[in-house]
Amino acid sequence: MSAFEPHLSRAHPGFINILHVGRTADYLYYSMELADDHLGGRKIDIDSYEPRTLKTDLAPARNASPRTNRSGLGFR
């Protein structure tokens, strides 16, 4: 991973930080920041938290037309 680090742009708003990478005898692991909540953005309620993902961005919003839902994703 450190070989790729110089090529990563940490300034991009869509990236979250990887806080720790490790290895055990059986597997590799990492810990990272929570992603924004798909409904609350950066305001996270841990009891109802669901990360904002491409899947949640593409899911039809309640009471929103498909055209409105896609406008923030660059679709026309």
N, C-alpha and C. Protein backbone atom coordinates (compact mmCIF):
# COMPACT_ATOMS: atom_id res chain seq x y z
N MET A 1 0.81 -1.19 0.00
CA MET A 1 0.00 0.00 0.00
C MET A 1 0.86 1.26 0.00
N SER A 2 1.95 1.23 0.72
CA SER A 2 2.80 2.41 0.77
C SER A 2 3.39 2.74 -0.60
N ALA A 3 3.48 1.76 -1.48
CA ALA A 3 3.99 2.03 -2.84
C ALA A 3 3.02 2.90 -3.63
N PHE A 4 1.73 2.84 -3.32
CA PHE A 4 0.73 3.63 -4.04
C PHE A 4 0.46 4.98 -3.39
N GLU A 5 0.84 5.14 -2.15
CA GLU A 5 0.49 6.34 -1.40
C GLU A 5 0.91 7.64 -2.08
N PRO A 6 2.10 7.75 -2.66
CA PRO A 6 2.45 9.03 -3.29
C PRO A 6 1.53 9.41 -4.45
N HIS A 7 0.82 8.45 -5.02
CA HIS A 7 -0.03 8.72 -6.18
C HIS A 7 -1.48 9.03 -5.80
N LEU A 8 -1.80 8.91 -4.53
CA LEU A 8 -3.17 9.15 -4.08
C LEU A 8 -3.38 10.62 -3.77
N SER A 9 -4.53 11.12 -4.15
CA SER A 9 -4.89 12.50 -3.81
C SER A 9 -5.78 12.45 -2.58
N ARG A 10 -5.26 12.85 -1.46
CA ARG A 10 -6.07 12.86 -0.23
C ARG A 10 -6.98 14.08 -0.16
N ALA A 11 -6.84 14.99 -1.12
CA ALA A 11 -7.67 16.19 -1.12
C ALA A 11 -9.03 15.94 -1.73
N HIS A 12 -9.24 14.82 -2.39
CA HIS A 12 -10.52 14.56 -3.04
C HIS A 12 -11.60 14.35 -1.98
N PRO A 13 -12.76 15.01 -2.09
CA PRO A 13 -13.79 14.91 -1.06
C PRO A 13 -14.44 13.53 -0.96
N GLY A 14 -14.26 12.68 -1.96
CA GLY A 14 -14.88 11.36 -1.93
C GLY A 14 -14.04 10.31 -1.22
N PHE A 15 -12.83 10.66 -0.82
CA PHE A 15 -11.96 9.69 -0.17
C PHE A 15 -12.03 9.84 1.34
N ILE A 16 -11.93 8.73 2.04
CA ILE A 16 -11.82 8.76 3.50
C ILE A 16 -10.47 8.18 3.88
N ASN A 17 -9.98 8.57 5.02
CA ASN A 17 -8.65 8.16 5.44
C ASN A 17 -8.62 6.73 5.96
N ILE A 18 -7.59 6.01 5.59
CA ILE A 18 -7.29 4.72 6.19
C ILE A 18 -6.42 5.01 7.39
N LEU A 19 -6.86 4.61 8.56
CA LEU A 19 -6.18 4.97 9.79
C LEU A 19 -5.09 3.98 10.20
N HIS A 20 -5.31 2.71 9.88
CA HIS A 20 -4.32 1.70 10.28
C HIS A 20 -4.44 0.48 9.37
N VAL A 21 -3.30 -0.08 9.02
CA VAL A 21 -3.24 -1.31 8.24
C VAL A 21 -2.38 -2.29 9.02
N GLY A 22 -2.82 -3.54 9.09
CA GLY A 22 -2.06 -4.52 9.85
C GLY A 22 -2.20 -5.91 9.26
N ARG A 23 -1.49 -6.82 9.87
CA ARG A 23 -1.50 -8.21 9.41
C ARG A 23 -1.42 -9.12 10.63
N THR A 24 -2.20 -10.19 10.58
CA THR A 24 -2.07 -11.24 11.57
C THR A 24 -1.55 -12.48 10.83
N ALA A 25 -1.43 -13.58 11.54
CA ALA A 25 -0.98 -14.81 10.89
C ALA A 25 -1.98 -15.30 9.85
N ASP A 26 -3.26 -14.92 10.01
CA ASP A 26 -4.32 -15.43 9.13
C ASP A 26 -4.86 -14.45 8.10
N TYR A 27 -4.74 -13.14 8.33
CA TYR A 27 -5.36 -12.19 7.42
C TYR A 27 -4.74 -10.80 7.52
N LEU A 28 -5.07 -9.97 6.53
CA LEU A 28 -4.75 -8.55 6.55
C LEU A 28 -5.98 -7.80 7.03
N TYR A 29 -5.78 -6.63 7.65
CA TYR A 29 -6.92 -5.84 8.09
C TYR A 29 -6.58 -4.36 7.98
N TYR A 30 -7.62 -3.54 8.00
CA TYR A 30 -7.44 -2.10 8.03
C TYR A 30 -8.60 -1.47 8.79
N SER A 31 -8.37 -0.28 9.31
CA SER A 31 -9.45 0.49 9.92
C SER A 31 -9.46 1.85 9.23
N MET A 32 -10.66 2.38 9.08
CA MET A 32 -10.80 3.64 8.38
C MET A 32 -11.90 4.48 9.01
N GLU A 33 -11.96 5.76 8.63
CA GLU A 33 -13.00 6.65 9.12
C GLU A 33 -14.36 6.18 8.63
N LEU A 34 -15.39 6.58 9.35
CA LEU A 34 -16.74 6.31 8.87
C LEU A 34 -17.01 7.15 7.63
N ALA A 35 -17.71 6.58 6.67
CA ALA A 35 -18.16 7.35 5.52
C ALA A 35 -19.34 8.22 5.96
N ASP A 36 -19.65 9.25 5.19
CA ASP A 36 -20.83 10.07 5.49
C ASP A 36 -22.07 9.19 5.50
N ASP A 37 -23.02 9.56 6.32
CA ASP A 37 -24.29 8.85 6.37
C ASP A 37 -25.08 9.17 5.11
N HIS A 38 -25.78 8.19 4.56
CA HIS A 38 -26.46 8.40 3.29
C HIS A 38 -27.63 9.38 3.40
N LEU A 39 -28.15 9.58 4.59
CA LEU A 39 -29.23 10.56 4.76
C LEU A 39 -28.75 11.81 5.49
N GLY A 40 -27.92 11.64 6.52
CA GLY A 40 -27.52 12.77 7.35
C GLY A 40 -26.22 13.43 6.97
N GLY A 41 -25.53 12.90 5.96
CA GLY A 41 -24.24 13.47 5.58
C GLY A 41 -23.22 13.29 6.69
N ARG A 42 -22.57 14.38 7.05
CA ARG A 42 -21.54 14.30 8.09
C ARG A 42 -22.13 14.24 9.50
N LYS A 43 -23.43 14.51 9.61
CA LYS A 43 -24.11 14.38 10.91
C LYS A 43 -24.52 12.91 11.06
N ILE A 44 -23.78 12.18 11.89
CA ILE A 44 -23.96 10.73 11.99
C ILE A 44 -24.66 10.37 13.29
N ASP A 45 -25.76 9.65 13.17
CA ASP A 45 -26.45 9.05 14.31
C ASP A 45 -26.07 7.57 14.28
N ILE A 46 -25.26 7.15 15.21
CA ILE A 46 -24.69 5.80 15.18
C ILE A 46 -25.77 4.71 15.22
N ASP A 47 -26.94 5.00 15.79
CA ASP A 47 -28.01 4.00 15.86
C ASP A 47 -28.67 3.74 14.50
N SER A 48 -28.66 4.73 13.61
CA SER A 48 -29.31 4.55 12.31
C SER A 48 -28.32 4.72 11.15
N TYR A 49 -27.03 4.68 11.44
CA TYR A 49 -26.00 4.92 10.43
C TYR A 49 -26.04 3.90 9.30
N GLU A 50 -26.03 4.41 8.08
CA GLU A 50 -25.84 3.59 6.88
C GLU A 50 -24.94 4.41 5.97
N PRO A 51 -23.79 3.87 5.55
CA PRO A 51 -22.83 4.67 4.78
C PRO A 51 -23.39 5.11 3.43
N ARG A 52 -22.94 6.29 3.01
CA ARG A 52 -23.29 6.77 1.68
C ARG A 52 -22.42 6.02 0.68
N THR A 53 -23.05 5.34 -0.23
CA THR A 53 -22.35 4.55 -1.25
C THR A 53 -22.96 4.86 -2.61
N LEU A 54 -22.36 4.34 -3.66
CA LEU A 54 -22.94 4.50 -4.98
C LEU A 54 -24.34 3.89 -5.01
N LYS A 55 -24.52 2.77 -4.32
CA LYS A 55 -25.84 2.12 -4.27
C LYS A 55 -26.89 3.04 -3.65
N THR A 56 -26.55 3.69 -2.53
CA THR A 56 -27.52 4.57 -1.90
C THR A 56 -27.73 5.83 -2.72
N ASP A 57 -26.70 6.32 -3.43
CA ASP A 57 -26.86 7.48 -4.30
C ASP A 57 -27.77 7.18 -5.48
N LEU A 58 -27.71 5.97 -6.01
CA LEU A 58 -28.52 5.61 -7.17
C LEU A 58 -29.92 5.13 -6.82
N ALA A 59 -30.15 4.81 -5.55
CA ALA A 59 -31.47 4.35 -5.12
C ALA A 59 -32.47 5.49 -5.28
N PRO A 60 -33.68 5.19 -5.74
CA PRO A 60 -34.67 6.26 -5.90
C PRO A 60 -34.99 6.91 -4.57
N ALA A 61 -34.91 8.21 -4.53
CA ALA A 61 -35.26 8.95 -3.31
C ALA A 61 -36.77 9.05 -3.19
N ARG A 62 -37.26 9.10 -1.98
CA ARG A 62 -38.70 9.26 -1.77
C ARG A 62 -39.13 10.63 -2.29
N ASN A 63 -40.21 10.65 -3.02
CA ASN A 63 -40.81 11.88 -3.55
C ASN A 63 -39.87 12.67 -4.47
N ALA A 64 -38.92 12.01 -5.09
CA ALA A 64 -38.03 12.70 -6.03
C ALA A 64 -38.13 12.02 -7.39
N SER A 65 -38.09 12.83 -8.41
CA SER A 65 -38.14 12.25 -9.75
C SER A 65 -36.78 11.65 -10.08
N PRO A 66 -36.73 10.67 -10.97
CA PRO A 66 -35.43 10.08 -11.35
C PRO A 66 -34.46 11.12 -11.90
N ARG A 67 -34.96 12.12 -12.62
CA ARG A 67 -34.08 13.16 -13.17
C ARG A 67 -33.43 13.96 -12.04
N THR A 68 -34.20 14.30 -11.02
CA THR A 68 -33.67 15.04 -9.87
C THR A 68 -32.64 14.20 -9.13
N ASN A 69 -32.92 12.92 -8.96
CA ASN A 69 -32.03 12.03 -8.22
C ASN A 69 -30.66 11.91 -8.89
N ARG A 70 -30.62 11.99 -10.22
CA ARG A 70 -29.36 11.79 -10.95
C ARG A 70 -28.57 13.07 -11.12
N SER A 71 -29.16 14.22 -10.88
CA SER A 71 -28.51 15.49 -11.20
C SER A 71 -27.16 15.66 -10.50
N GLY A 72 -27.03 15.21 -9.28
CA GLY A 72 -25.78 15.35 -8.56
C GLY A 72 -24.72 14.34 -8.96
N LEU A 73 -25.07 13.38 -9.81
CA LEU A 73 -24.14 12.33 -10.19
C LEU A 73 -23.55 12.54 -11.58
N GLY A 74 -23.94 13.61 -12.23
CA GLY A 74 -23.37 13.91 -13.55
C GLY A 74 -24.14 13.30 -14.71
N PHE A 75 -25.29 12.69 -14.46
CA PHE A 75 -26.12 12.16 -15.53
C PHE A 75 -26.99 13.26 -16.11
N ARG A 76 -27.35 13.13 -17.36
CA ARG A 76 -28.27 14.10 -17.98
C ARG A 76 -29.47 13.39 -18.51
